[in-house]
Amino acid sequence: MFGLGMQELIVIFVIALLVFGPKKLPDLARALGRGVAEFKRASEELKEGLTAELSVEDEKANASTRPQQYASKDATPQTAEQQEKSTGAHETRNV
């Protein structure tokens, strides 16, 4: 726990007890606990927000790198006959 041993924690507790007194120490501990809980909650919200933002960015990147399958307005493939009619080219075959 932060590189502090049991002896260091006891010394810190005794000094806090002498400075703040036995009546104020539980209130300070409670306030410290609430502060730590609020910090954890805020960090989790930030983490979730960043994760969501990164997933949206990944989806955008994947969508922009995918090739477009159909170039027409209605997004349906053209048949060979439709392509010939639109270009006006006609192939004559000798049988």
Protein backbone atom coordinates (compact mmCIF):
# COMPACT_ATOMS: atom_id res chain seq x y z
CA MET A 1 0.00 0.00 0.00
CA PHE A 2 1.98 2.99 -1.33
CA GLY A 3 5.22 1.47 -0.04
CA LEU A 4 4.22 2.09 3.60
CA GLY A 5 4.60 -0.62 6.18
CA MET A 6 2.50 -1.26 9.24
CA GLN A 7 4.81 0.76 11.49
CA GLU A 8 4.60 3.85 9.27
CA LEU A 9 0.81 3.66 9.17
CA ILE A 10 0.63 3.42 12.97
CA VAL A 11 2.89 6.47 13.34
CA ILE A 12 0.74 8.45 10.87
CA PHE A 13 -2.44 7.41 12.72
CA VAL A 14 -1.01 8.45 16.12
CA ILE A 15 0.12 11.84 14.77
CA ALA A 16 -3.33 12.40 13.19
CA LEU A 17 -4.96 11.42 16.48
CA LEU A 18 -2.83 13.93 18.38
CA VAL A 19 -3.37 16.73 15.85
CA PHE A 20 -7.11 16.35 15.23
CA GLY A 21 -8.28 14.65 18.41
CA PRO A 22 -10.47 11.59 18.93
CA LYS A 23 -13.72 13.44 18.15
CA LYS A 24 -12.70 14.82 14.75
CA LEU A 25 -10.75 11.81 13.46
CA PRO A 26 -13.81 9.66 12.48
CA ASP A 27 -15.31 12.62 10.59
CA LEU A 28 -12.06 13.17 8.72
CA ALA A 29 -11.80 9.47 7.87
CA ARG A 30 -15.40 9.47 6.62
CA ALA A 31 -14.75 12.54 4.47
CA LEU A 32 -11.57 10.98 3.10
CA GLY A 33 -13.48 7.79 2.24
CA ARG A 34 -16.19 9.76 0.42
CA GLY A 35 -13.54 11.68 -1.48
CA VAL A 36 -11.80 8.50 -2.59
CA ALA A 37 -15.14 6.94 -3.62
CA GLU A 38 -16.06 10.04 -5.64
CA PHE A 39 -12.63 10.03 -7.31
CA LYS A 40 -13.05 6.37 -8.27
CA ARG A 41 -16.52 7.05 -9.67
CA ALA A 42 -15.28 10.00 -11.71
CA SER A 43 -12.33 8.04 -13.06
CA GLU A 44 -14.63 5.17 -14.10
CA GLU A 45 -16.92 7.61 -15.92
CA LEU A 46 -13.94 9.12 -17.70
CA LYS A 47 -12.65 5.69 -18.63
CA GLU A 48 -16.06 4.65 -20.02
CA GLY A 49 -16.33 7.89 -21.97
CA LEU A 50 -12.90 7.46 -23.51
CA THR A 51 -13.63 3.83 -24.37
CA ALA A 52 -16.88 4.82 -26.09
CA GLU A 53 -15.17 7.64 -27.97
CA LEU A 54 -12.37 5.35 -29.14
CA SER A 55 -14.84 2.73 -30.35
CA VAL A 56 -16.69 5.39 -32.35
CA GLU A 57 -13.39 6.55 -33.87
CA ASP A 58 -12.49 2.95 -34.76
CA GLU A 59 -15.87 2.44 -36.43
CA LYS A 60 -15.41 5.62 -38.44
CA ALA A 61 -11.92 4.54 -39.49
CA ASN A 62 -13.17 1.10 -40.52
CA ALA A 63 -16.09 2.57 -42.45
CA SER A 64 -13.88 4.97 -44.40
CA THR A 65 -11.41 2.26 -45.43
CA ARG A 66 -14.09 -0.13 -46.75
CA PRO A 67 -14.46 0.08 -50.54
CA GLN A 68 -17.82 1.15 -51.88
CA GLN A 69 -19.53 -1.81 -53.45
CA TYR A 70 -22.04 0.01 -55.60
CA ALA A 71 -21.57 3.41 -57.16
CA SER A 72 -25.14 3.89 -58.39
CA LYS A 73 -27.71 5.99 -56.58
CA ASP A 74 -29.99 3.16 -55.56
CA ALA A 75 -27.05 0.96 -54.44
CA THR A 76 -27.95 -2.00 -56.68
CA PRO A 77 -25.58 -3.64 -59.13
CA GLN A 78 -26.22 -3.19 -62.84
CA THR A 79 -26.65 -6.14 -65.16
CA ALA A 80 -24.56 -6.50 -68.29
CA GLU A 81 -27.50 -5.39 -70.46
CA GLN A 82 -28.02 -2.23 -68.38
CA GLN A 83 -24.33 -1.40 -68.65
CA GLU A 84 -24.41 -1.82 -72.46
CA LYS A 85 -27.49 0.39 -72.77
CA SER A 86 -26.00 3.11 -70.60
CA THR A 87 -22.70 3.20 -72.50
CA GLY A 88 -24.28 2.73 -75.92
CA ALA A 89 -21.73 0.11 -76.87
CA HIS A 90 -23.02 -2.99 -78.53
CA GLU A 91 -20.96 -5.99 -79.39
CA THR A 92 -21.73 -7.96 -82.53
CA ARG A 93 -20.90 -11.62 -82.45
CA ASN A 94 -20.53 -13.90 -85.40
CA VAL A 95 -21.78 -17.37 -84.80
